[in-house]
Amino acid sequence: MSFYLFFSGGFAGGVLGGMGMGGGTLLIPLLTLVLGLPQAAAQGVNLLSFLPMSLLALSVHAKNGLLAKEGLWQFVLPALLFSALGAGVAVVLPAKLLGKGFGLFLILLSAVPLSSAFRGEREN
């Protein structure tokens, strides 16, 4: 049974990641809530699965001319720095706090499009 859960989670995460939406928003809750992995392990699995998925998606988007290269390094360099900082913090935080922080992040992430829907705004 767990093979099918892992497979469907990988499939859904791959589709979301390929569209640039972040497969971890689905993969991490699946790994922690359904399959019982600790939060830190689920985040590690997500990061490991993200590497080949993002490289493939990046090559497809580049081939189709969908990459904006202006300001790339102003975005990438701080992202690299703060991802290392975030990984260091995640290692020392208790799993319960890490899980609650991720849950809060997902709630805030969903609040933006939800509030736009109630105001009648359309996203491009």
PDB file of N, CA and C in Angstrom:
ATOM      1  N   MET A   1       0.820  -1.197   0.000  1.00  0.00           N
ATOM      2  CA  MET A   1       0.000   0.000   0.000  1.00  0.00           C
ATOM      3  C   MET A   1       0.865   1.263   0.000  1.00  0.00           C
ATOM      4  N   SER A   2       1.943   1.265   0.800  1.00  0.00           N
ATOM      5  CA  SER A   2       2.754   2.475   0.878  1.00  0.00           C
ATOM      6  C   SER A   2       3.433   2.785  -0.461  1.00  0.00           C
ATOM      7  N   PHE A   3       3.713   1.739  -1.282  1.00  0.00           N
ATOM      8  CA  PHE A   3       4.293   2.001  -2.605  1.00  0.00           C
ATOM      9  C   PHE A   3       3.371   2.899  -3.415  1.00  0.00           C
ATOM     10  N   TYR A   4       2.075   2.605  -3.389  1.00  0.00           N
ATOM     11  CA  TYR A   4       1.115   3.389  -4.161  1.00  0.00           C
ATOM     12  C   TYR A   4       0.991   4.813  -3.621  1.00  0.00           C
ATOM     13  N   LEU A   5       1.079   4.958  -2.299  1.00  0.00           N
ATOM     14  CA  LEU A   5       1.037   6.299  -1.712  1.00  0.00           C
ATOM     15  C   LEU A   5       2.281   7.104  -2.105  1.00  0.00           C
ATOM     16  N   PHE A   6       3.448   6.445  -2.036  1.00  0.00           N
ATOM     17  CA  PHE A   6       4.676   7.123  -2.454  1.00  0.00           C
ATOM     18  C   PHE A   6       4.618   7.484  -3.937  1.00  0.00           C
ATOM     19  N   PHE A   7       4.134   6.551  -4.750  1.00  0.00           N
ATOM     20  CA  PHE A   7       4.051   6.777  -6.188  1.00  0.00           C
ATOM     21  C   PHE A   7       3.102   7.928  -6.500  1.00  0.00           C
ATOM     22  N   SER A   8       1.888   7.905  -5.889  1.00  0.00           N
ATOM     23  CA  SER A   8       0.945   8.987  -6.170  1.00  0.00           C
ATOM     24  C   SER A   8       1.434  10.317  -5.622  1.00  0.00           C
ATOM     25  N   GLY A   9       2.102  10.301  -4.476  1.00  0.00           N
ATOM     26  CA  GLY A   9       2.679  11.544  -3.954  1.00  0.00           C
ATOM     27  C   GLY A   9       3.771  12.072  -4.861  1.00  0.00           C
ATOM     28  N   GLY A  10       4.609  11.174  -5.374  1.00  0.00           N
ATOM     29  CA  GLY A  10       5.647  11.589  -6.313  1.00  0.00           C
ATOM     30  C   GLY A  10       5.067  12.115  -7.610  1.00  0.00           C
ATOM     31  N   PHE A  11       4.013  11.466  -8.085  1.00  0.00           N
ATOM     32  CA  PHE A  11       3.345  11.910  -9.312  1.00  0.00           C
ATOM     33  C   PHE A  11       2.759  13.314  -9.127  1.00  0.00           C
ATOM     34  N   ALA A  12       1.967  13.483  -8.069  1.00  0.00           N
ATOM     35  CA  ALA A  12       1.328  14.788  -7.827  1.00  0.00           C
ATOM     36  C   ALA A  12       2.376  15.867  -7.545  1.00  0.00           C
ATOM     37  N   GLY A  13       3.391  15.526  -6.757  1.00  0.00           N
ATOM     38  CA  GLY A  13       4.454  16.491  -6.481  1.00  0.00           C
ATOM     39  C   GLY A  13       5.217  16.863  -7.731  1.00  0.00           C
ATOM     40  N   GLY A  14       5.435  15.891  -8.616  1.00  0.00           N
ATOM     41  CA  GLY A  14       6.124  16.163  -9.879  1.00  0.00           C
ATOM     42  C   GLY A  14       5.325  17.074 -10.782  1.00  0.00           C
ATOM     43  N   VAL A  15       4.026  16.834 -10.863  1.00  0.00           N
ATOM     44  CA  VAL A  15       3.169  17.701 -11.688  1.00  0.00           C
ATOM     45  C   VAL A  15       3.183  19.127 -11.143  1.00  0.00           C
ATOM     46  N   LEU A  16       2.998  19.266  -9.833  1.00  0.00           N
ATOM     47  CA  LEU A  16       3.000  20.608  -9.231  1.00  0.00           C
ATOM     48  C   LEU A  16       4.361  21.273  -9.377  1.00  0.00           C
ATOM     49  N   GLY A  17       5.422  20.519  -9.140  1.00  0.00           N
ATOM     50  CA  GLY A  17       6.774  21.075  -9.261  1.00  0.00           C
ATOM     51  C   GLY A  17       7.088  21.464 -10.689  1.00  0.00           C
ATOM     52  N   GLY A  18       6.640  20.669 -11.646  1.00  0.00           N
ATOM     53  CA  GLY A  18       6.864  20.985 -13.050  1.00  0.00           C
ATOM     54  C   GLY A  18       6.156  22.249 -13.482  1.00  0.00           C
ATOM     55  N   MET A  19       5.035  22.540 -12.836  1.00  0.00           N
ATOM     56  CA  MET A  19       4.302  23.763 -13.146  1.00  0.00           C
ATOM     57  C   MET A  19       4.839  24.951 -12.355  1.00  0.00           C
ATOM     58  N   GLY A  20       5.840  24.701 -11.516  1.00  0.00           N
ATOM     59  CA  GLY A  20       6.446  25.783 -10.742  1.00  0.00           C
ATOM     60  C   GLY A  20       5.694  26.120  -9.469  1.00  0.00           C
ATOM     61  N   MET A  21       4.838  25.229  -9.018  1.00  0.00           N
ATOM     62  CA  MET A  21       4.022  25.527  -7.852  1.00  0.00           C
ATOM     63  C   MET A  21       4.570  24.935  -6.563  1.00  0.00           C
ATOM     64  N   GLY A  22       5.599  24.134  -6.640  1.00  0.00           N
ATOM     65  CA  GLY A  22       6.190  23.567  -5.431  1.00  0.00           C
ATOM     66  C   GLY A  22       5.514  22.280  -5.012  1.00  0.00           C
ATOM     67  N   GLY A  23       6.086  21.169  -5.398  1.00  0.00           N
ATOM     68  CA  GLY A  23       5.517  19.872  -5.057  1.00  0.00           C
ATOM     69  C   GLY A  23       5.594  19.557  -3.584  1.00  0.00           C
ATOM     70  N   GLY A  24       6.471  20.239  -2.846  1.00  0.00           N
ATOM     71  CA  GLY A  24       6.621  19.984  -1.418  1.00  0.00           C
ATOM     72  C   GLY A  24       5.404  20.343  -0.606  1.00  0.00           C
ATOM     73  N   THR A  25       4.573  21.259  -1.116  1.00  0.00           N
ATOM     74  CA  THR A  25       3.354  21.608  -0.392  1.00  0.00           C
ATOM     75  C   THR A  25       2.402  20.424  -0.307  1.00  0.00           C
ATOM     76  N   LEU A  26       2.555  19.484  -1.215  1.00  0.00           N
ATOM     77  CA  LEU A  26       1.771  18.258  -1.173  1.00  0.00           C
ATOM     78  C   LEU A  26       2.587  17.100  -0.606  1.00  0.00           C
ATOM     79  N   LEU A  27       3.845  17.014  -1.014  1.00  0.00           N
ATOM     80  CA  LEU A  27       4.689  15.881  -0.645  1.00  0.00           C
ATOM     81  C   LEU A  27       4.985  15.835   0.855  1.00  0.00           C
ATOM     82  N   ILE A  28       5.296  16.951   1.460  1.00  0.00           N
ATOM     83  CA  ILE A  28       5.635  16.958   2.891  1.00  0.00           C
ATOM     84  C   ILE A  28       4.446  16.537   3.758  1.00  0.00           C
ATOM     85  N   PRO A  29       3.238  17.108   3.556  1.00  0.00           N
ATOM     86  CA  PRO A  29       2.110  16.602   4.356  1.00  0.00           C
ATOM     87  C   PRO A  29       1.813  15.125   4.100  1.00  0.00           C
ATOM     88  N   LEU A  30       1.957  14.652   2.869  1.00  0.00           N
ATOM     89  CA  LEU A  30       1.731  13.237   2.581  1.00  0.00           C
ATOM     90  C   LEU A  30       2.723  12.368   3.354  1.00  0.00           C
ATOM     91  N   LEU A  31       3.992  12.765   3.328  1.00  0.00           N
ATOM     92  CA  LEU A  31       5.011  11.972   4.015  1.00  0.00           C
ATOM     93  C   LEU A  31       4.840  11.990   5.526  1.00  0.00           C
ATOM     94  N   THR A  32       4.451  13.137   6.080  1.00  0.00           N
ATOM     95  CA  THR A  32       4.340  13.234   7.542  1.00  0.00           C
ATOM     96  C   THR A  32       3.005  12.714   8.055  1.00  0.00           C
ATOM     97  N   LEU A  33       1.913  13.177   7.470  1.00  0.00           N
ATOM     98  CA  LEU A  33       0.593  12.839   8.008  1.00  0.00           C
ATOM     99  C   LEU A  33       0.128  11.438   7.619  1.00  0.00           C
ATOM    100  N   VAL A  34       0.397  11.026   6.387  1.00  0.00           N
ATOM    101  CA  VAL A  34      -0.107   9.736   5.913  1.00  0.00           C
ATOM    102  C   VAL A  34       0.905   8.619   6.156  1.00  0.00           C
ATOM    103  N   LEU A  35       2.176   8.889   5.844  1.00  0.00           N
ATOM    104  CA  LEU A  35       3.183   7.830   5.940  1.00  0.00           C
ATOM    105  C   LEU A  35       3.983   7.857   7.238  1.00  0.00           C
ATOM    106  N   GLY A  36       3.782   8.865   8.075  1.00  0.00           N
ATOM    107  CA  GLY A  36       4.371   8.881   9.400  1.00  0.00           C
ATOM    108  C   GLY A  36       5.851   9.228   9.492  1.00  0.00           C
ATOM    109  N   LEU A  37       6.423   9.819   8.445  1.00  0.00           N
ATOM    110  CA  LEU A  37       7.830  10.230   8.525  1.00  0.00           C
ATOM    111  C   LEU A  37       7.969  11.453   9.425  1.00  0.00           C
ATOM    112  N   PRO A  38       9.079  11.576  10.137  1.00  0.00           N
ATOM    113  CA  PRO A  38       9.319  12.801  10.900  1.00  0.00           C
ATOM    114  C   PRO A  38       9.429  14.002   9.953  1.00  0.00           C
ATOM    115  N   GLN A  39       9.072  15.176  10.443  1.00  0.00           N
ATOM    116  CA  GLN A  39       9.050  16.387   9.629  1.00  0.00           C
ATOM    117  C   GLN A  39      10.400  16.659   8.965  1.00  0.00           C
ATOM    118  N   ALA A  40      11.484  16.562   9.725  1.00  0.00           N
ATOM    119  CA  ALA A  40      12.809  16.843   9.164  1.00  0.00           C
ATOM    120  C   ALA A  40      13.160  15.857   8.050  1.00  0.00           C
ATOM    121  N   ALA A  41      12.806  14.585   8.226  1.00  0.00           N
ATOM    122  CA  ALA A  41      13.072  13.579   7.188  1.00  0.00           C
ATOM    123  C   ALA A  41      12.237  13.860   5.943  1.00  0.00           C
ATOM    124  N   ALA A  42      10.979  14.256   6.140  1.00  0.00           N
ATOM    125  CA  ALA A  42      10.107  14.572   5.000  1.00  0.00           C
ATOM    126  C   ALA A  42      10.651  15.764   4.223  1.00  0.00           C
ATOM    127  N   GLN A  43      11.167  16.753   4.926  1.00  0.00           N
ATOM    128  CA  GLN A  43      11.752  17.906   4.239  1.00  0.00           C
ATOM    129  C   GLN A  43      13.008  17.502   3.475  1.00  0.00           C
ATOM    130  N   GLY A  44      13.790  16.588   4.033  1.00  0.00           N
ATOM    131  CA  GLY A  44      14.969  16.103   3.334  1.00  0.00           C
ATOM    132  C   GLY A  44      14.607  15.331   2.075  1.00  0.00           C
ATOM    133  N   VAL A  45      13.586  14.472   2.178  1.00  0.00           N
ATOM    134  CA  VAL A  45      13.120  13.722   1.007  1.00  0.00           C
ATOM    135  C   VAL A  45      12.609  14.698  -0.050  1.00  0.00           C
ATOM    136  N   ASN A  46      11.881  15.717   0.373  1.00  0.00           N
ATOM    137  CA  ASN A  46      11.369  16.721  -0.554  1.00  0.00           C
ATOM    138  C   ASN A  46      12.509  17.426  -1.281  1.00  0.00           C
ATOM    139  N   LEU A  47      13.536  17.808  -0.553  1.00  0.00           N
ATOM    140  CA  LEU A  47      14.669  18.489  -1.181  1.00  0.00           C
ATOM    141  C   LEU A  47      15.388  17.575  -2.156  1.00  0.00           C
ATOM    142  N   LEU A  48      15.540  16.317  -1.792  1.00  0.00           N
ATOM    143  CA  LEU A  48      16.205  15.363  -2.671  1.00  0.00           C
ATOM    144  C   LEU A  48      15.397  15.119  -3.946  1.00  0.00           C
ATOM    145  N   SER A  49      14.086  15.020  -3.810  1.00  0.00           N
ATOM    146  CA  SER A  49      13.250  14.801  -4.995  1.00  0.00           C
ATOM    147  C   SER A  49      13.156  16.067  -5.839  1.00  0.00           C
ATOM    148  N   PHE A  50      13.353  17.205  -5.218  1.00  0.00           N
ATOM    149  CA  PHE A  50      13.259  18.481  -5.921  1.00  0.00           C
ATOM    150  C   PHE A  50      14.378  18.666  -6.947  1.00  0.00           C
ATOM    151  N   LEU A  51      15.556  18.142  -6.656  1.00  0.00           N
ATOM    152  CA  LEU A  51      16.699  18.371  -7.546  1.00  0.00           C
ATOM    153  C   LEU A  51      16.478  17.868  -8.976  1.00  0.00           C
ATOM    154  N   PRO A  52      16.213  16.584  -9.192  1.00  0.00           N
ATOM    155  CA  PRO A  52      16.013  16.148 -10.579  1.00  0.00           C
ATOM    156  C   PRO A  52      14.745  16.733 -11.198  1.00  0.00           C
ATOM    157  N   MET A  53      13.707  16.880 -10.384  1.00  0.00           N
ATOM    158  CA  MET A  53      12.450  17.421 -10.894  1.00  0.00           C
ATOM    159  C   MET A  53      12.632  18.859 -11.376  1.00  0.00           C
ATOM    160  N   SER A  54      13.319  19.659 -10.594  1.00  0.00           N
ATOM    161  CA  SER A  54      13.493  21.060 -10.979  1.00  0.00           C
ATOM    162  C   SER A  54      14.429  21.203 -12.177  1.00  0.00           C
ATOM    163  N   LEU A  55      15.454  20.365 -12.260  1.00  0.00           N
ATOM    164  CA  LEU A  55      16.344  20.428 -13.421  1.00  0.00           C
ATOM    165  C   LEU A  55      15.605  20.079 -14.715  1.00  0.00           C
ATOM    166  N   LEU A  56      14.759  19.079 -14.652  1.00  0.00           N
ATOM    167  CA  LEU A  56      13.984  18.707 -15.831  1.00  0.00           C
ATOM    168  C   LEU A  56      12.988  19.811 -16.196  1.00  0.00           C
ATOM    169  N   ALA A  57      12.270  20.320 -15.208  1.00  0.00           N
ATOM    170  CA  ALA A  57      11.298  21.393 -15.467  1.00  0.00           C
ATOM    171  C   ALA A  57      12.003  22.646 -15.984  1.00  0.00           C
ATOM    172  N   LEU A  58      13.159  22.957 -15.432  1.00  0.00           N
ATOM    173  CA  LEU A  58      13.917  24.122 -15.881  1.00  0.00           C
ATOM    174  C   LEU A  58      14.330  23.985 -17.334  1.00  0.00           C
ATOM    175  N   SER A  59      14.766  22.797 -17.726  1.00  0.00           N
ATOM    176  CA  SER A  59      15.171  22.605 -19.118  1.00  0.00           C
ATOM    177  C   SER A  59      13.977  22.729 -20.067  1.00  0.00           C
ATOM    178  N   VAL A  60      12.823  22.229 -19.666  1.00  0.00           N
ATOM    179  CA  VAL A  60      11.620  22.345 -20.506  1.00  0.00           C
ATOM    180  C   VAL A  60      11.203  23.806 -20.636  1.00  0.00           C
ATOM    181  N   HIS A  61      11.192  24.532 -19.525  1.00  0.00           N
ATOM    182  CA  HIS A  61      10.809  25.949 -19.567  1.00  0.00           C
ATOM    183  C   HIS A  61      11.817  26.768 -20.371  1.00  0.00           C
ATOM    184  N   ALA A  62      13.100  26.448 -20.249  1.00  0.00           N
ATOM    185  CA  ALA A  62      14.132  27.164 -21.025  1.00  0.00           C
ATOM    186  C   ALA A  62      13.965  26.887 -22.513  1.00  0.00           C
ATOM    187  N   LYS A  63      13.694  25.642 -22.850  1.00  0.00           N
ATOM    188  CA  LYS A  63      13.494  25.265 -24.249  1.00  0.00           C
ATOM    189  C   LYS A  63      12.311  26.021 -24.865  1.00  0.00           C
ATOM    190  N   ASN A  64      11.292  26.278 -24.066  1.00  0.00           N
ATOM    191  CA  ASN A  64      10.105  26.982 -24.542  1.00  0.00           C
ATOM    192  C   ASN A  64      10.212  28.499 -24.390  1.00  0.00           C
ATOM    193  N   GLY A  65      11.383  28.993 -23.975  1.00  0.00           N
ATOM    194  CA  GLY A  65      11.600  30.431 -23.845  1.00  0.00           C
ATOM    195  C   GLY A  65      10.798  31.086 -22.739  1.00  0.00           C
ATOM    196  N   LEU A  66      10.537  30.363 -21.679  1.00  0.00           N
ATOM    197  CA  LEU A  66       9.698  30.882 -20.604  1.00  0.00           C
ATOM    198  C   LEU A  66      10.480  31.368 -19.389  1.00  0.00           C
ATOM    199  N   LEU A  67      11.796  31.527 -19.522  1.00  0.00           N
ATOM    200  CA  LEU A  67      12.598  31.964 -18.382  1.00  0.00           C
ATOM    201  C   LEU A  67      12.942  33.438 -18.511  1.00  0.00           C
ATOM    202  N   ALA A  68      12.656  34.189 -17.481  1.00  0.00           N
ATOM    203  CA  ALA A  68      13.059  35.590 -17.428  1.00  0.00           C
ATOM    204  C   ALA A  68      14.416  35.636 -16.746  1.00  0.00           C
ATOM    205  N   LYS A  69      15.427  36.123 -17.441  1.00  0.00           N
ATOM    206  CA  LYS A  69      16.780  36.102 -16.888  1.00  0.00           C
ATOM    207  C   LYS A  69      17.175  37.419 -16.226  1.00  0.00           C
ATOM    208  N   GLU A  70      16.356  38.452 -16.369  1.00  0.00           N
ATOM    209  CA  GLU A  70      16.663  39.725 -15.725  1.00  0.00           C
ATOM    210  C   GLU A  70      16.531  39.576 -14.210  1.00  0.00           C
ATOM    211  N   GLY A  71      17.508  40.061 -13.491  1.00  0.00           N
ATOM    212  CA  GLY A  71      17.479  40.015 -12.034  1.00  0.00           C
ATOM    213  C   GLY A  71      17.684  38.626 -11.449  1.00  0.00           C
ATOM    214  N   LEU A  72      18.153  37.702 -12.262  1.00  0.00           N
ATOM    215  CA  LEU A  72      18.299  36.324 -11.813  1.00  0.00           C
ATOM    216  C   LEU A  72      19.256  36.205 -10.626  1.00  0.00           C
ATOM    217  N   TRP A  73      20.431  36.797 -10.753  1.00  0.00           N
ATOM    218  CA  TRP A  73      21.428  36.642  -9.683  1.00  0.00           C
ATOM    219  C   TRP A  73      21.037  37.398  -8.428  1.00  0.00           C
ATOM    220  N   GLN A  74      20.277  38.485  -8.570  1.00  0.00           N
ATOM    221  CA  GLN A  74      19.816  39.206  -7.378  1.00  0.00           C
ATOM    222  C   GLN A  74      18.805  38.363  -6.597  1.00  0.00           C
ATOM    223  N   PHE A  75      18.227  37.397  -7.255  1.00  0.00           N
ATOM    224  CA  PHE A  75      17.291  36.491  -6.595  1.00  0.00           C
ATOM    225  C   PHE A  75      17.993  35.221  -6.114  1.00  0.00           C
ATOM    226  N   VAL A  76      18.844  34.656  -6.962  1.00  0.00           N
ATOM    227  CA  VAL A  76      19.458  33.356  -6.669  1.00  0.00           C
ATOM    228  C   VAL A  76      20.450  33.440  -5.508  1.00  0.00           C
ATOM    229  N   LEU A  77      21.293  34.442  -5.487  1.00  0.00           N
ATOM    230  CA  LEU A  77      22.315  34.506  -4.432  1.00  0.00           C
ATOM    231  C   LEU A  77      21.712  34.610  -3.029  1.00  0.00           C
ATOM    232  N   PRO A  78      20.767  35.528  -2.778  1.00  0.00           N
ATOM    233  CA  PRO A  78      20.153  35.518  -1.438  1.00  0.00           C
ATOM    234  C   PRO A  78      19.384  34.229  -1.150  1.00  0.00           C
ATOM    235  N   ALA A  79      18.764  33.636  -2.186  1.00  0.00           N
ATOM    236  CA  ALA A  79      18.033  32.381  -1.975  1.00  0.00           C
ATOM    237  C   ALA A  79      18.986  31.277  -1.530  1.00  0.00           C
ATOM    238  N   LEU A  80      20.161  31.205  -2.143  1.00  0.00           N
ATOM    239  CA  LEU A  80      21.152  30.203  -1.739  1.00  0.00           C
ATOM    240  C   LEU A  80      21.609  30.425  -0.298  1.00  0.00           C
ATOM    241  N   LEU A  81      21.897  31.659   0.025  1.00  0.00           N
ATOM    242  CA  LEU A  81      22.358  31.991   1.374  1.00  0.00           C
ATOM    243  C   LEU A  81      21.298  31.630   2.417  1.00  0.00           C
ATOM    244  N   PHE A  82      20.070  32.065   2.175  1.00  0.00           N
ATOM    245  CA  PHE A  82      19.034  31.833   3.178  1.00  0.00           C
ATOM    246  C   PHE A  82      18.519  30.401   3.181  1.00  0.00           C
ATOM    247  N   SER A  83      18.692  29.656   2.094  1.00  0.00           N
ATOM    248  CA  SER A  83      18.330  28.237   2.141  1.00  0.00           C
ATOM    249  C   SER A  83      19.313  27.482   3.032  1.00  0.00           C
ATOM    250  N   ALA A  84      20.583  27.849   2.970  1.00  0.00           N
ATOM    251  CA  ALA A  84      21.570  27.232   3.865  1.00  0.00           C
ATOM    252  C   ALA A  84      21.258  27.598   5.316  1.00  0.00           C
ATOM    253  N   LEU A  85      20.903  28.845   5.543  1.00  0.00           N
ATOM    254  CA  LEU A  85      20.541  29.289   6.892  1.00  0.00           C
ATOM    255  C   LEU A  85      19.288  28.547   7.379  1.00  0.00           C
ATOM    256  N   GLY A  86      18.286  28.437   6.507  1.00  0.00           N
ATOM    257  CA  GLY A  86      17.053  27.735   6.874  1.00  0.00           C
ATOM    258  C   GLY A  86      17.296  26.266   7.167  1.00  0.00           C
ATOM    259  N   ALA A  87      18.162  25.628   6.396  1.00  0.00           N
ATOM    260  CA  ALA A  87      18.479  24.221   6.643  1.00  0.00           C
ATOM    261  C   ALA A  87      19.169  24.061   7.994  1.00  0.00           C
ATOM    262  N   GLY A  88      20.054  24.991   8.318  1.00  0.00           N
ATOM    263  CA  GLY A  88      20.721  24.945   9.616  1.00  0.00           C
ATOM    264  C   GLY A  88      19.749  25.118  10.767  1.00  0.00           C
ATOM    265  N   VAL A  89      18.779  26.004  10.603  1.00  0.00           N
ATOM    266  CA  VAL A  89      17.763  26.221  11.636  1.00  0.00           C
ATOM    267  C   VAL A  89      16.857  24.999  11.757  1.00  0.00           C
ATOM    268  N   ALA A  90      16.485  24.403  10.612  1.00  0.00           N
ATOM    269  CA  ALA A  90      15.585  23.242  10.624  1.00  0.00           C
ATOM    270  C   ALA A  90      16.201  22.055  11.361  1.00  0.00           C
ATOM    271  N   VAL A  91      17.511  21.946  11.314  1.00  0.00           N
ATOM    272  CA  VAL A  91      18.189  20.826  11.977  1.00  0.00           C
ATOM    273  C   VAL A  91      18.086  20.939  13.498  1.00  0.00           C
ATOM    274  N   VAL A  92      18.097  22.155  14.030  1.00  0.00           N
ATOM    275  CA  VAL A  92      18.105  22.323  15.481  1.00  0.00           C
ATOM    276  C   VAL A  92      16.715  22.518  16.081  1.00  0.00           C
ATOM    277  N   LEU A  93      15.715  22.832  15.262  1.00  0.00           N
ATOM    278  CA  LEU A  93      14.365  23.029  15.795  1.00  0.00           C
ATOM    279  C   LEU A  93      13.722  21.695  16.159  1.00  0.00           C
ATOM    280  N   PRO A  94      12.910  21.697  17.207  1.00  0.00           N
ATOM    281  CA  PRO A  94      12.158  20.481  17.525  1.00  0.00           C
ATOM    282  C   PRO A  94      11.174  20.163  16.392  1.00  0.00           C
ATOM    283  N   ALA A  95      10.942  18.879  16.162  1.00  0.00           N
ATOM    284  CA  ALA A  95      10.076  18.439  15.055  1.00  0.00           C
ATOM    285  C   ALA A  95       8.675  19.031  15.167  1.00  0.00           C
ATOM    286  N   LYS A  96       8.165  19.123  16.365  1.00  0.00           N
ATOM    287  CA  LYS A  96       6.812  19.662  16.556  1.00  0.00           C
ATOM    288  C   LYS A  96       6.735  21.124  16.110  1.00  0.00           C
ATOM    289  N   LEU A  97       7.731  21.910  16.464  1.00  0.00           N
ATOM    290  CA  LEU A  97       7.760  23.314  16.063  1.00  0.00           C
ATOM    291  C   LEU A  97       7.939  23.453  14.554  1.00  0.00           C
ATOM    292  N   LEU A  98       8.757  22.589  13.991  1.00  0.00           N
ATOM    293  CA  LEU A  98       8.977  22.592  12.546  1.00  0.00           C
ATOM    294  C   LEU A  98       7.674  22.276  11.808  1.00  0.00           C
ATOM    295  N   GLY A  99       6.943  21.307  12.283  1.00  0.00           N
ATOM    296  CA  GLY A  99       5.658  20.945  11.680  1.00  0.00           C
ATOM    297  C   GLY A  99       4.640  22.065  11.792  1.00  0.00           C
ATOM    298  N   LYS A 100       4.578  22.708  12.954  1.00  0.00           N
ATOM    299  CA  LYS A 100       3.638  23.818  13.124  1.00  0.00           C
ATOM    300  C   LYS A 100       4.015  25.000  12.241  1.00  0.00           C
ATOM    301  N   GLY A 101       5.305  25.246  12.117  1.00  0.00           N
ATOM    302  CA  GLY A 101       5.755  26.336  11.243  1.00  0.00           C
ATOM    303  C   GLY A 101       5.402  26.076   9.792  1.00  0.00           C
ATOM    304  N   PHE A 102       5.558  24.828   9.351  1.00  0.00           N
ATOM    305  CA  PHE A 102       5.201  24.487   7.973  1.00  0.00           C
ATOM    306  C   PHE A 102       3.694  24.597   7.769  1.00  0.00           C
ATOM    307  N   GLY A 103       2.932  24.161   8.748  1.00  0.00           N
ATOM    308  CA  GLY A 103       1.466  24.290   8.670  1.00  0.00           C
ATOM    309  C   GLY A 103       1.033  25.736   8.583  1.00  0.00           C
ATOM    310  N   LEU A 104       1.657  26.591   9.382  1.00  0.00           N
ATOM    311  CA  LEU A 104       1.348  28.022   9.327  1.00  0.00           C
ATOM    312  C   LEU A 104       1.707  28.604   7.967  1.00  0.00           C
ATOM    313  N   PHE A 105       2.841  28.185   7.419  1.00  0.00           N
ATOM    314  CA  PHE A 105       3.246  28.626   6.087  1.00  0.00           C
ATOM    315  C   PHE A 105       2.193  28.246   5.049  1.00  0.00           C
ATOM    316  N   LEU A 106       1.685  27.018   5.111  1.00  0.00           N
ATOM    317  CA  LEU A 106       0.663  26.578   4.156  1.00  0.00           C
ATOM    318  C   LEU A 106      -0.628  27.374   4.313  1.00  0.00           C
ATOM    319  N   ILE A 107      -0.995  27.681   5.542  1.00  0.00           N
ATOM    320  CA  ILE A 107      -2.202  28.490   5.772  1.00  0.00           C
ATOM    321  C   ILE A 107      -2.030  29.881   5.177  1.00  0.00           C
ATOM    322  N   LEU A 108      -0.886  30.510   5.431  1.00  0.00           N
ATOM    323  CA  LEU A 108      -0.634  31.836   4.873  1.00  0.00           C
ATOM    324  C   LEU A 108      -0.574  31.796   3.352  1.00  0.00           C
ATOM    325  N   LEU A 109       0.021  30.741   2.814  1.00  0.00           N
ATOM    326  CA  LEU A 109       0.115  30.580   1.369  1.00  0.00           C
ATOM    327  C   LEU A 109      -1.265  30.471   0.730  1.00  0.00           C
ATOM    328  N   SER A 110      -2.177  29.810   1.397  1.00  0.00           N
ATOM    329  CA  SER A 110      -3.527  29.667   0.846  1.00  0.00           C
ATOM    330  C   SER A 110      -4.381  30.902   1.083  1.00  0.00           C
ATOM    331  N   ALA A 111      -4.020  31.725   2.059  1.00  0.00           N
ATOM    332  CA  ALA A 111      -4.830  32.906   2.379  1.00  0.00           C
ATOM    333  C   ALA A 111      -4.775  33.960   1.272  1.00  0.00           C
ATOM    334  N   VAL A 112      -3.662  34.070   0.572  1.00  0.00           N
ATOM    335  CA  VAL A 112      -3.533  35.100  -0.462  1.00  0.00           C
ATOM    336  C   VAL A 112      -4.518  34.882  -1.605  1.00  0.00           C
ATOM    337  N   PRO A 113      -4.514  33.700  -2.273  1.00  0.00           N
ATOM    338  CA  PRO A 113      -5.501  33.536  -3.347  1.00  0.00           C
ATOM    339  C   PRO A 113      -6.938  33.496  -2.834  1.00  0.00           C
ATOM    340  N   LEU A 114      -7.132  33.018  -1.613  1.00  0.00           N
ATOM    341  CA  LEU A 114      -8.477  32.978  -1.055  1.00  0.00           C
ATOM    342  C   LEU A 114      -9.011  34.390  -0.843  1.00  0.00           C
ATOM    343  N   SER A 115      -8.189  35.272  -0.310  1.00  0.00           N
ATOM    344  CA  SER A 115      -8.640  36.651  -0.107  1.00  0.00           C
ATOM    345  C   SER A 115      -8.885  37.357  -1.436  1.00  0.00           C
ATOM    346  N   SER A 116      -8.078  37.047  -2.455  1.00  0.00           N
ATOM    347  CA  SER A 116      -8.305  37.620  -3.784  1.00  0.00           C
ATOM    348  C   SER A 116      -9.639  37.153  -4.357  1.00  0.00           C
ATOM    349  N   ALA A 117      -9.991  35.910  -4.109  1.00  0.00           N
ATOM    350  CA  ALA A 117     -11.247  35.362  -4.628  1.00  0.00           C
ATOM    351  C   ALA A 117     -12.443  36.073  -3.994  1.00  0.00           C
ATOM    352  N   PHE A 118     -12.346  36.383  -2.697  1.00  0.00           N
ATOM    353  CA  PHE A 118     -13.452  37.062  -2.033  1.00  0.00           C
ATOM    354  C   PHE A 118     -13.555  38.529  -2.446  1.00  0.00           C
ATOM    355  N   ARG A 119     -12.450  39.117  -2.865  1.00  0.00           N
ATOM    356  CA  ARG A 119     -12.489  40.508  -3.337  1.00  0.00           C
ATOM    357  C   ARG A 119     -12.858  40.589  -4.807  1.00  0.00           C
ATOM    358  N   GLY A 120     -12.963  39.461  -5.465  1.00  0.00           N
ATOM    359  CA  GLY A 120     -13.351  39.427  -6.864  1.00  0.00           C
ATOM    360  C   GLY A 120     -12.201  39.724  -7.817  1.00  0.00           C
ATOM    361  N   GLU A 121     -10.969  39.645  -7.323  1.00  0.00           N
ATOM    362  CA  GLU A 121      -9.809  39.895  -8.190  1.00  0.00           C
ATOM    363  C   GLU A 121      -9.454  38.617  -8.942  1.00  0.00           C
ATOM    364  N   ARG A 122      -8.873  38.792 -10.106  1.00  0.00           N
ATOM    365  CA  ARG A 122      -8.430  37.639 -10.890  1.00  0.00           C
ATOM    366  C   ARG A 122      -6.920  37.671 -10.984  1.00  0.00           C
ATOM    367  N   GLU A 123      -6.314  36.490 -10.827  1.00  0.00           N
ATOM    368  CA  GLU A 123      -4.870  36.383 -10.999  1.00  0.00           C
ATOM    369  C   GLU A 123      -4.552  36.187 -12.464  1.00  0.00           C
ATOM    370  N   ASN A 124      -3.433  36.735 -12.920  1.00  0.00           N
ATOM    371  CA  ASN A 124      -3.031  36.558 -14.322  1.00  0.00           C
ATOM    372  C   ASN A 124      -2.289  35.280 -14.509  1.00  0.00           C
TER     373      ASN A 124
END
